Amino acid sequence: MGRGRAKAKQAKIARELKYFSPPTNLTALQRELAGAPQAADHDQAHHISERDDGPAR
């Protein structure tokens, strides 16, 4: 018992998520779809490969 308030809150949150649309960064989307590499992604991949010591044992 007592689930009514929790269920109402979940429904409210679900409704907010369904109908809320944050502003879209169309420039970033275009870059991502075009496959243009970003400097930050390249640097992050480089750091990951430096830490990789091979397969875990």
Foldseek 3Di string as FASTA:
>chain_A
DPCVVVVVVVVVVVVCVVPDDDDDDVVVVVCVVVVPDDPVVVVVVVVVVVPDPDDDD
